[in-house]
Amino acid sequence: MQNKPFSIAIDGPAGAGKSSVAKALAAELNAMYLDTGAMYRAFGLYMLRRGALSDRQAIIDALDDVDITVEFIDGAQHIFLGTEDVTAAIREPEVSIAASDVSAVPEVRVRMVALQRKIAEGHSVVMDGRDIGTKVLPNATLKIYLTASAEERARRRYRELEQKGMPEPYDKVLREMQERDYQDTHRAASPLRPADNAVILDTTNDSLEESVAKIKRLAMEAIHA
């Protein structure tokens, strides 16, 4: 691997497998992994606890008070609200919707993008989210738009919740997935869409290993171009 830092941006809708693919890819490429969605989830959890998700001004004002930090412990990313490790708490279904709510506020995205760029500075990084290739890392070495059918993404999320001991009915998971898709693609601030020069990869029929292998091949070509 060459010494010059590189950046891989992986965007896509909820449940497309971005985090799993990005983590595995970062390990393969000996790069830092940053799950940007976790940062929005942390802020969504903060506002959920305050009961102020529907108050736009309260969301903006909270940006001056909230303390979100990212730490890497034994190679795994942990998200903190102040001194509280909320890595597990931010994966609950209601926090997913809360994250979408707060991310629709432009001031939130400005703050998070600045933080994400700062963390990535000077490192080889694999970053996943919903506007990495379009906003956070517009000059990324490689941009991937990872997607899959809503039904397949809901099945993956259903299995994930089941494995974590937080089962939800499949119909509810699918409905929430579709609601999240609508919110993410129709928001005024950085709506979810593929970057103009992104490679679109549909993983509906691919295993995690197959998806990682495909992106690794593309990454190696881009890094050594």
Protein backbone atom coordinates (compact mmCIF):
# COMPACT_ATOMS: atom_id res chain seq x y z
CA MET A 1 0.00 0.00 0.00
CA GLN A 2 1.35 3.43 -0.84
CA ASN A 3 2.04 6.05 1.85
CA LYS A 4 -0.11 8.84 0.43
CA PRO A 5 -3.42 8.99 2.35
CA PHE A 6 -6.50 7.89 0.41
CA SER A 7 -10.21 8.22 1.09
CA ILE A 8 -13.08 5.89 0.21
CA ALA A 9 -16.60 7.38 0.44
CA ILE A 10 -19.48 4.92 0.77
CA ASP A 11 -23.00 6.38 0.60
CA GLY A 12 -26.41 4.77 0.36
CA PRO A 13 -29.79 4.28 2.02
CA ALA A 14 -30.42 2.75 5.44
CA GLY A 15 -29.82 -0.99 5.61
CA ALA A 16 -27.70 -1.21 2.47
CA GLY A 17 -24.83 -2.68 4.49
CA LYS A 18 -22.65 0.44 4.40
CA SER A 19 -21.23 0.10 7.91
CA SER A 20 -20.47 -3.62 7.64
CA VAL A 21 -18.87 -3.20 4.22
CA ALA A 22 -16.92 -0.09 5.24
CA LYS A 23 -15.56 -1.70 8.42
CA ALA A 24 -14.40 -4.80 6.55
CA LEU A 25 -12.95 -2.73 3.72
CA ALA A 26 -11.03 -0.48 6.13
CA ALA A 27 -9.50 -3.55 7.76
CA GLU A 28 -8.50 -4.95 4.35
CA LEU A 29 -6.90 -1.63 3.32
CA ASN A 30 -5.36 -0.86 6.74
CA ALA A 31 -7.33 2.39 6.87
CA MET A 32 -9.33 4.19 9.57
CA TYR A 33 -13.09 3.55 9.53
CA LEU A 34 -15.54 6.31 10.40
CA ASP A 35 -19.29 5.67 10.65
CA THR A 36 -20.67 9.18 10.17
CA GLY A 37 -24.26 8.05 10.59
CA ALA A 38 -23.46 7.19 14.20
CA MET A 39 -22.71 10.86 14.83
CA TYR A 40 -26.17 11.90 13.59
CA ARG A 41 -27.70 9.10 15.63
CA ALA A 42 -25.93 10.38 18.73
CA PHE A 43 -27.33 13.87 18.20
CA GLY A 44 -30.76 12.36 17.42
CA LEU A 45 -30.61 10.45 20.71
CA TYR A 46 -29.64 13.67 22.52
CA MET A 47 -32.68 15.49 21.13
CA LEU A 48 -34.96 12.48 21.69
CA ARG A 49 -34.04 12.49 25.36
CA ARG A 50 -34.81 16.21 25.50
CA GLY A 51 -38.19 15.65 23.86
CA ALA A 52 -37.44 18.40 21.34
CA LEU A 53 -37.25 16.61 17.98
CA SER A 54 -40.04 18.73 16.49
CA ASP A 55 -38.53 22.04 17.61
CA ARG A 56 -36.16 23.23 14.87
CA GLN A 57 -34.78 26.13 16.90
CA ALA A 58 -34.15 23.88 19.89
CA ILE A 59 -32.19 21.53 17.61
CA ILE A 60 -30.06 24.42 16.33
CA ASP A 61 -29.50 25.79 19.84
CA ALA A 62 -28.48 22.33 21.12
CA LEU A 63 -25.54 22.27 18.72
CA ASP A 64 -23.72 24.65 21.10
CA ASP A 65 -24.30 22.32 24.07
CA VAL A 66 -23.98 18.79 22.74
CA ASP A 67 -20.63 17.04 23.16
CA ILE A 68 -20.20 14.26 20.59
CA THR A 69 -16.84 12.53 20.34
CA VAL A 70 -15.52 9.51 18.47
CA GLU A 71 -12.99 7.16 20.06
CA PHE A 72 -11.42 4.00 18.73
CA ILE A 73 -11.20 1.30 21.41
CA ASP A 74 -9.45 -1.95 20.44
CA GLY A 75 -9.92 -0.94 16.81
CA ALA A 76 -13.69 -0.43 17.16
CA GLN A 77 -15.42 2.92 16.84
CA HIS A 78 -17.28 4.13 19.94
CA ILE A 79 -19.55 7.17 20.06
CA PHE A 80 -19.79 9.25 23.21
CA LEU A 81 -22.32 11.82 24.39
CA GLY A 82 -20.25 13.64 26.96
CA THR A 83 -18.74 10.81 29.00
CA GLU A 84 -21.49 8.29 28.16
CA ASP A 85 -20.72 5.57 25.62
CA VAL A 86 -23.90 5.47 23.51
CA THR A 87 -22.58 3.07 20.85
CA ALA A 88 -25.31 0.50 21.60
CA ALA A 89 -28.10 2.96 22.48
CA ILE A 90 -27.97 4.73 19.10
CA ARG A 91 -28.88 1.52 17.26
CA GLU A 92 -32.43 1.37 18.61
CA PRO A 93 -35.16 1.88 15.94
CA GLU A 94 -36.57 5.15 17.32
CA VAL A 95 -33.08 6.67 17.24
CA SER A 96 -32.83 5.90 13.53
CA ILE A 97 -35.87 8.08 12.82
CA ALA A 98 -34.58 10.75 15.23
CA ALA A 99 -31.28 10.82 13.31
CA SER A 100 -33.15 11.44 10.07
CA ASP A 101 -35.15 14.24 11.75
CA VAL A 102 -32.11 16.14 13.00
CA SER A 103 -30.09 15.55 9.82
CA ALA A 104 -32.76 17.42 7.85
CA VAL A 105 -31.69 20.63 9.61
CA PRO A 106 -28.93 22.33 7.54
CA GLU A 107 -27.10 23.70 10.59
CA VAL A 108 -26.72 20.16 11.96
CA ARG A 109 -25.15 18.93 8.75
CA VAL A 110 -22.71 21.86 8.64
CA ARG A 111 -21.52 21.05 12.18
CA MET A 112 -21.22 17.30 11.54
CA VAL A 113 -19.46 17.68 8.18
CA ALA A 114 -16.83 19.94 9.77
CA LEU A 115 -16.27 17.39 12.54
CA GLN A 116 -16.05 14.50 10.08
CA ARG A 117 -13.51 16.29 7.89
CA LYS A 118 -11.40 17.11 10.93
CA ILE A 119 -11.34 13.47 12.04
CA ALA A 120 -10.39 12.29 8.52
CA GLU A 121 -7.61 14.86 8.04
CA GLY A 122 -4.26 13.30 7.17
CA HIS A 123 -5.48 9.70 7.45
CA SER A 124 -6.31 6.98 4.98
CA VAL A 125 -9.98 6.60 5.70
CA VAL A 126 -13.09 4.65 4.73
CA MET A 127 -16.14 6.73 5.60
CA ASP A 128 -19.79 5.79 5.19
CA GLY A 129 -22.96 7.83 5.45
CA ARG A 130 -25.45 9.59 3.21
CA ASP A 131 -23.54 12.58 1.84
CA ILE A 132 -19.89 11.55 2.06
CA GLY A 133 -19.16 11.65 -1.66
CA THR A 134 -21.31 14.70 -2.30
CA LYS A 135 -20.44 16.88 0.71
CA VAL A 136 -17.96 15.50 3.24
CA LEU A 137 -15.25 14.12 0.94
CA PRO A 138 -16.00 15.59 -2.51
CA ASN A 139 -12.45 14.74 -3.64
CA ALA A 140 -12.47 11.15 -2.37
CA THR A 141 -10.16 8.67 -4.08
CA LEU A 142 -13.19 6.43 -4.72
CA LYS A 143 -16.91 7.02 -4.27
CA ILE A 144 -19.36 4.14 -3.91
CA TYR A 145 -23.15 4.34 -3.75
CA LEU A 146 -24.24 1.13 -2.04
CA THR A 147 -27.88 0.14 -2.36
CA ALA A 148 -30.31 -2.80 -2.27
CA SER A 149 -34.07 -3.25 -2.55
CA ALA A 150 -36.13 -1.88 0.35
CA GLU A 151 -37.41 -5.39 1.09
CA GLU A 152 -33.90 -6.84 1.29
CA ARG A 153 -32.67 -3.96 3.44
CA ALA A 154 -35.63 -4.44 5.79
CA ARG A 155 -34.87 -8.19 6.01
CA ARG A 156 -31.27 -7.42 6.97
CA ARG A 157 -32.37 -4.93 9.61
CA TYR A 158 -34.99 -7.40 10.91
CA ARG A 159 -32.32 -10.10 11.33
CA GLU A 160 -29.92 -7.64 12.97
CA LEU A 161 -32.51 -6.56 15.55
CA GLU A 162 -33.40 -10.20 16.22
CA GLN A 163 -29.76 -11.10 16.83
CA LYS A 164 -29.41 -8.17 19.24
CA GLY A 165 -32.43 -9.35 21.23
CA MET A 166 -34.54 -6.37 20.08
CA PRO A 167 -37.00 -8.07 17.68
CA GLU A 168 -39.49 -5.96 15.72
CA PRO A 169 -42.22 -7.16 13.29
CA TYR A 170 -40.89 -7.27 9.71
CA ASP A 171 -43.77 -5.09 8.42
CA LYS A 172 -42.87 -2.39 10.95
CA VAL A 173 -39.17 -2.55 10.01
CA LEU A 174 -40.04 -2.25 6.30
CA ARG A 175 -42.40 0.67 6.92
CA GLU A 176 -39.76 2.51 8.95
CA MET A 177 -37.17 1.78 6.25
CA GLN A 178 -39.44 3.29 3.59
CA GLU A 179 -40.14 6.33 5.81
CA ARG A 180 -36.41 6.83 6.33
CA ASP A 181 -35.78 6.53 2.57
CA TYR A 182 -38.39 9.21 1.87
CA GLN A 183 -37.02 11.57 4.53
CA ASP A 184 -33.42 11.12 3.39
CA THR A 185 -34.10 11.62 -0.32
CA HIS A 186 -36.51 14.56 0.07
CA ARG A 187 -34.77 16.69 2.70
CA ALA A 188 -33.62 20.15 1.61
CA ALA A 189 -30.17 19.80 3.21
CA SER A 190 -27.89 17.39 1.32
CA PRO A 191 -30.57 14.94 0.13
CA LEU A 192 -29.44 11.35 -0.32
CA ARG A 193 -28.26 10.80 -3.89
CA PRO A 194 -25.27 9.24 -5.65
CA ALA A 195 -22.33 11.57 -6.29
CA ASP A 196 -21.94 12.32 -9.98
CA ASN A 197 -18.80 10.16 -10.25
CA ALA A 198 -19.84 7.41 -7.83
CA VAL A 199 -19.87 3.74 -8.72
CA ILE A 200 -23.38 2.42 -8.03
CA LEU A 201 -23.32 -1.05 -6.48
CA ASP A 202 -26.55 -2.99 -5.83
CA THR A 203 -25.95 -5.58 -3.10
CA THR A 204 -29.44 -7.14 -3.07
CA ASN A 205 -28.07 -10.52 -4.17
CA ASP A 206 -24.53 -10.19 -2.77
CA SER A 207 -23.07 -11.46 0.47
CA LEU A 208 -20.99 -9.14 2.64
CA GLU A 209 -17.81 -10.84 1.41
CA GLU A 210 -18.80 -10.41 -2.23
CA SER A 211 -19.58 -6.72 -1.73
CA VAL A 212 -16.27 -6.09 0.05
CA ALA A 213 -14.31 -7.92 -2.64
CA LYS A 214 -15.92 -5.86 -5.41
CA ILE A 215 -15.19 -2.55 -3.70
CA LYS A 216 -11.65 -3.60 -2.75
CA ARG A 217 -10.86 -4.24 -6.42
CA LEU A 218 -12.20 -0.80 -7.34
CA ALA A 219 -10.30 0.80 -4.43
CA MET A 220 -6.98 -0.77 -5.38
CA GLU A 221 -7.39 0.48 -8.95
CA ALA A 222 -8.25 4.00 -7.76
CA ILE A 223 -5.48 4.17 -5.13
CA HIS A 224 -2.81 3.10 -7.61
CA ALA A 225 -4.15 5.04 -10.60
